[in-house]
Protein backbone atom coordinates (compact mmCIF):
# COMPACT_ATOMS: atom_id res chain seq x y z
CA MET A 1 34.87 -50.83 34.28
CA ILE A 2 32.90 -49.66 37.25
CA ARG A 3 34.28 -46.26 37.14
CA ARG A 4 33.20 -46.02 33.51
CA ILE A 5 29.72 -47.16 34.27
CA LEU A 6 29.49 -44.74 37.23
CA LEU A 7 30.73 -41.90 35.08
CA THR A 8 28.16 -42.71 32.39
CA ALA A 9 25.39 -42.71 34.94
CA VAL A 10 26.61 -39.36 36.23
CA VAL A 11 26.65 -37.91 32.80
CA LEU A 12 23.08 -39.32 32.08
CA LEU A 13 21.84 -37.79 35.35
CA ILE A 14 23.28 -34.32 34.75
CA THR A 15 21.90 -34.37 31.09
CA ALA A 16 18.42 -35.30 32.48
CA TYR A 17 18.55 -32.59 35.07
CA LEU A 18 19.58 -29.94 32.41
CA ILE A 19 16.62 -31.02 30.28
CA ILE A 20 14.12 -30.95 33.05
CA ALA A 21 15.41 -27.46 34.12
CA ILE A 22 15.21 -25.89 30.81
CA THR A 23 11.83 -27.17 30.27
CA ALA A 24 10.63 -26.12 33.56
CA PHE A 25 12.27 -22.55 32.94
CA ASN A 26 10.62 -22.17 29.66
CA ARG A 27 7.25 -23.41 30.60
CA LYS A 28 4.68 -20.77 30.63
CA PRO A 29 2.62 -20.66 34.01
CA GLU A 30 -0.98 -21.68 33.48
CA GLY A 31 -3.44 -18.82 33.13
CA THR A 32 -0.95 -16.18 31.82
CA ILE A 33 -2.72 -12.99 30.88
CA CYS A 34 -2.43 -10.89 27.69
CA THR A 35 -1.28 -7.50 28.87
CA ASP A 36 -1.13 -5.56 25.68
CA ILE A 37 -1.23 -5.40 21.79
CA GLU A 38 1.92 -4.64 19.90
CA LEU A 39 0.67 -3.13 16.64
CA ILE A 40 2.72 -2.63 13.56
CA ILE A 41 1.09 -0.56 10.76
CA LYS A 42 3.02 -0.80 7.49
CA ASP A 43 2.94 1.50 4.39
CA THR A 44 2.31 4.68 6.45
CA VAL A 45 4.15 6.68 3.99
CA TYR A 46 1.41 6.35 1.61
CA ALA A 47 -1.67 6.14 3.71
CA GLY A 48 -2.64 6.73 7.34
CA PHE A 49 -6.11 5.56 7.69
CA ILE A 50 -5.54 2.76 10.28
CA ASN A 51 -4.37 3.31 13.95
CA LYS A 52 -4.40 1.39 17.13
CA ASN A 53 -7.73 2.89 18.35
CA GLU A 54 -9.41 1.67 15.22
CA VAL A 55 -8.02 -1.77 15.50
CA LEU A 56 -9.05 -2.08 19.06
CA SER A 57 -12.43 -0.69 18.25
CA MET A 58 -12.95 -3.45 15.59
CA LEU A 59 -11.70 -6.14 17.90
CA ARG A 60 -14.06 -5.05 20.79
CA LYS A 61 -17.05 -4.94 18.47
CA LYS A 62 -16.30 -8.51 17.60
CA LYS A 63 -15.56 -9.45 21.13
CA LEU A 64 -12.00 -10.38 20.29
CA ASP A 65 -9.91 -7.92 22.23
CA PRO A 66 -7.21 -10.02 23.66
CA VAL A 67 -5.99 -7.67 26.53
CA GLY A 68 -6.96 -9.18 29.88
CA ARG A 69 -7.73 -12.64 28.53
CA GLU A 70 -5.70 -15.84 29.09
CA MET A 71 -3.17 -16.35 26.36
CA SER A 72 -4.26 -19.96 25.90
CA GLU A 73 -7.87 -18.83 25.05
CA ILE A 74 -6.65 -16.34 22.35
CA ARG A 75 -7.13 -17.56 18.73
CA THR A 76 -4.79 -15.41 16.43
CA VAL A 77 -6.53 -16.78 13.36
CA ARG A 78 -10.02 -15.33 14.45
CA ILE A 79 -8.29 -11.94 14.98
CA GLU A 80 -6.62 -11.99 11.55
CA GLU A 81 -10.00 -12.99 9.79
CA ALA A 82 -11.84 -10.18 11.80
CA LEU A 83 -9.44 -7.47 10.82
CA ALA A 84 -9.05 -8.49 7.26
CA THR A 85 -12.66 -7.64 6.79
CA HIS A 86 -11.87 -3.99 6.92
CA PRO A 87 -12.12 -2.31 3.57
CA LEU A 88 -8.82 -0.44 3.91
CA ILE A 89 -6.62 -3.24 5.10
CA ASP A 90 -4.80 -5.48 2.78
CA ARG A 91 -3.04 -8.15 5.00
CA VAL A 92 -3.11 -9.12 8.62
CA GLU A 93 -0.55 -11.24 10.58
CA CYS A 94 -1.32 -11.98 14.29
CA TYR A 95 0.94 -13.82 16.75
CA LYS A 96 1.59 -14.30 20.27
CA THR A 97 4.78 -12.82 21.74
CA PRO A 98 7.13 -14.29 24.62
CA SER A 99 6.26 -11.20 26.79
CA GLU A 100 2.64 -12.06 27.08
CA LYS A 101 1.49 -9.77 24.39
CA ILE A 102 -0.36 -10.08 21.02
CA GLY A 103 1.52 -8.85 18.01
CA ILE A 104 -0.58 -7.67 15.07
CA GLU A 105 0.96 -6.46 11.83
CA VAL A 106 -1.34 -4.60 9.45
CA SER A 107 -0.63 -3.91 5.84
CA GLN A 108 -2.66 -1.10 4.45
CA ARG A 109 -3.92 -0.72 0.94
CA ILE A 110 -2.06 1.72 -1.09
CA PRO A 111 -4.06 4.37 -3.19
CA ILE A 112 -2.33 5.20 -6.35
CA MET A 113 -4.96 7.45 -7.86
CA ARG A 114 -8.27 9.29 -7.07
CA VAL A 115 -11.07 9.11 -9.42
CA ILE A 116 -13.91 11.79 -9.84
CA ASN A 117 -15.90 10.99 -12.96
CA ASN A 118 -18.40 13.37 -14.70
CA ARG A 119 -21.26 11.67 -12.94
CA GLY A 120 -19.87 12.58 -9.54
CA GLU A 121 -18.61 9.19 -8.56
CA ASN A 122 -15.67 9.55 -6.27
CA TYR A 123 -13.19 6.74 -5.21
CA TYR A 124 -9.50 5.83 -4.93
CA LEU A 125 -7.87 3.08 -6.98
CA ASP A 126 -5.24 0.96 -5.00
CA ASN A 127 -2.03 -0.60 -6.25
CA LYS A 128 -3.98 -3.98 -6.92
CA GLY A 129 -6.56 -2.35 -9.13
CA THR A 130 -9.37 -2.55 -6.60
CA ILE A 131 -11.62 0.41 -5.64
CA MET A 132 -11.22 1.99 -2.34
CA PRO A 133 -13.78 4.46 -0.60
CA PRO A 134 -13.36 8.17 -0.96
CA ASP A 135 -12.90 8.77 2.71
CA ALA A 136 -9.55 7.04 2.76
CA LYS A 137 -7.01 9.17 4.54
CA CYS A 138 -4.40 9.29 1.81
CA ILE A 139 -1.22 10.88 2.88
CA ALA A 140 0.91 10.72 -0.22
CA HIS A 141 0.24 12.76 -3.27
CA VAL A 142 -1.78 10.80 -6.04
CA PRO A 143 -2.84 11.99 -9.36
CA LEU A 144 -6.60 13.03 -9.80
CA ALA A 145 -8.37 11.27 -12.84
CA THR A 146 -11.53 13.15 -14.15
CA GLY A 147 -13.85 13.13 -17.04
CA ASN A 148 -15.68 10.15 -18.85
CA ILE A 149 -14.55 7.29 -16.61
CA GLU A 150 -16.42 4.04 -16.18
CA LYS A 151 -15.27 1.88 -13.41
CA SER A 152 -14.42 -0.89 -15.72
CA TYR A 153 -11.96 1.58 -17.60
CA ALA A 154 -10.61 2.64 -14.29
CA VAL A 155 -9.77 -0.78 -12.87
CA LYS A 156 -8.10 -1.84 -16.20
CA GLU A 157 -6.57 0.95 -18.17
CA LEU A 158 -6.12 3.63 -15.53
CA TYR A 159 -4.97 1.22 -12.89
CA LYS A 160 -2.10 0.14 -15.17
CA PHE A 161 -1.25 3.71 -16.00
CA GLY A 162 -1.35 4.72 -12.30
CA VAL A 163 1.15 1.88 -11.37
CA PHE A 164 3.39 3.18 -14.19
CA LEU A 165 3.26 6.72 -12.81
CA GLN A 166 3.87 5.54 -9.15
CA GLN A 167 7.11 3.35 -10.25
CA ASP A 168 8.46 6.41 -12.25
CA PRO A 169 9.80 8.98 -9.76
CA PHE A 170 9.80 11.74 -12.31
CA TRP A 171 6.38 11.30 -13.65
CA ASP A 172 5.02 10.48 -10.17
CA ALA A 173 6.02 13.97 -9.15
CA GLN A 174 5.03 15.63 -12.36
CA ILE A 175 1.50 14.45 -13.19
CA GLU A 176 -1.24 16.24 -11.17
CA GLN A 177 -4.42 15.31 -13.17
CA ILE A 178 -5.50 12.78 -15.81
CA TYR A 179 -8.46 13.80 -18.06
CA VAL A 180 -10.26 11.22 -20.08
CA HIS A 181 -12.35 12.36 -23.00
CA ALA A 182 -15.49 10.71 -24.22
CA ASP A 183 -13.55 8.88 -26.95
CA GLN A 184 -11.05 7.60 -24.31
CA ASN A 185 -8.26 9.94 -25.36
CA VAL A 186 -6.28 11.20 -22.52
CA GLU A 187 -4.74 14.55 -21.51
CA LEU A 188 -2.41 15.05 -18.68
CA VAL A 189 -2.00 18.11 -16.48
CA PRO A 190 1.54 18.49 -15.24
CA ARG A 191 2.60 20.22 -11.97
CA VAL A 192 5.41 22.12 -13.59
CA GLY A 193 4.80 23.95 -16.80
CA ASP A 194 1.62 25.68 -18.13
CA HIS A 195 0.71 23.27 -20.85
CA LEU A 196 -1.21 19.94 -21.36
CA ILE A 197 0.34 16.61 -22.55
CA TYR A 198 -2.00 15.02 -24.98
CA LEU A 199 -1.27 11.09 -25.12
CA GLY A 200 -4.24 9.92 -27.11
CA ARG A 201 -5.13 6.41 -26.11
CA LEU A 202 -3.61 4.83 -23.18
CA LYS A 203 -1.09 2.65 -25.23
CA ASP A 204 2.59 2.82 -25.45
CA TYR A 205 2.55 5.63 -22.82
CA SER A 206 5.85 4.91 -21.52
CA HIS A 207 7.44 5.56 -24.91
CA LYS A 208 5.20 8.57 -25.32
CA LEU A 209 6.28 9.94 -22.00
CA GLU A 210 9.95 9.27 -22.65
CA ARG A 211 9.76 11.53 -25.78
CA VAL A 212 8.06 14.26 -23.65
CA LYS A 213 10.95 13.95 -20.99
CA THR A 214 13.50 14.30 -23.79
CA PHE A 215 11.48 17.27 -25.17
CA TYR A 216 11.61 18.84 -21.65
CA LYS A 217 15.41 18.46 -21.55
CA GLU A 218 16.15 19.61 -25.05
CA ALA A 219 13.70 22.18 -25.85
CA LEU A 220 11.69 23.51 -22.81
CA ASN A 221 14.84 23.93 -20.79
CA GLN A 222 15.90 26.39 -23.65
CA VAL A 223 12.81 28.21 -24.61
CA GLY A 224 11.00 28.06 -21.37
CA TRP A 225 8.39 25.90 -19.76
CA ASN A 226 5.44 28.17 -20.51
CA LYS A 227 5.97 28.74 -24.18
CA TYR A 228 3.44 25.95 -25.37
CA SER A 229 -0.03 25.41 -24.34
CA ARG A 230 -0.25 21.74 -25.62
CA ILE A 231 2.32 18.95 -26.29
CA ASN A 232 0.85 16.12 -28.44
CA VAL A 233 2.62 12.86 -28.48
CA GLU A 234 -0.28 10.77 -29.79
CA PHE A 235 1.52 9.49 -32.92
CA ASP A 236 4.79 7.61 -33.03
CA ASN A 237 8.00 9.57 -33.71
CA GLN A 238 6.13 12.86 -33.47
CA ILE A 239 5.75 15.75 -31.09
CA ILE A 240 3.28 18.31 -32.16
CA CYS A 241 3.43 21.60 -30.08
CA THR A 242 0.84 24.45 -29.95
CA LYS A 243 2.27 27.78 -28.99
CA LYS A 244 0.47 30.11 -26.79
CA GLU A 245 -1.48 32.93 -28.44
């Protein structure tokens, strides 16, 4: 009985010692200083307008640069809120790392189309349908939309069409320019082939362009990609081609 009590006491003492030792080992010393920022910038394949220097510059202007400050004084939420005000940043996540650094993950806004209308307005549309400034450093190819384009039309109709193009590898690579007429009928300028694609209104464009793709395979591959000046798929179940003179 006594041996059992002694054994239990020893086990409890060892357990208590281990708990205290682990706690002491993991406890951060008071006054730990932030040594650096670990910055992760996402979506660099499509856009390259955010870099570490720009992030540091923003934080310094707002007096939020964490490097050299005590970790206990750094408020990651304030850093997130400050960086989120940048017009080219979509989302920010900020956290403290075990190595006494501040981790920052930045998601950039993704441009899907550039718009230059007949009044000289110049801007990008991003993949959420909002307008980006024209000085965004867009890396990936995006189609250019020109013509009679109001901003309300751009963020509703053109945005949806731009998302469709971006999600379709063939048309994403093929369409170079979108021209909007005054009556909102649309023509496309392809990268391959010396012709225009006339869609009419931006309705049922997935079906219209599927007909064009079929026409490419079954006709243009046989007669040549430069035989026609215009391919009209405005109306259902019809493809009207205009031969070059």
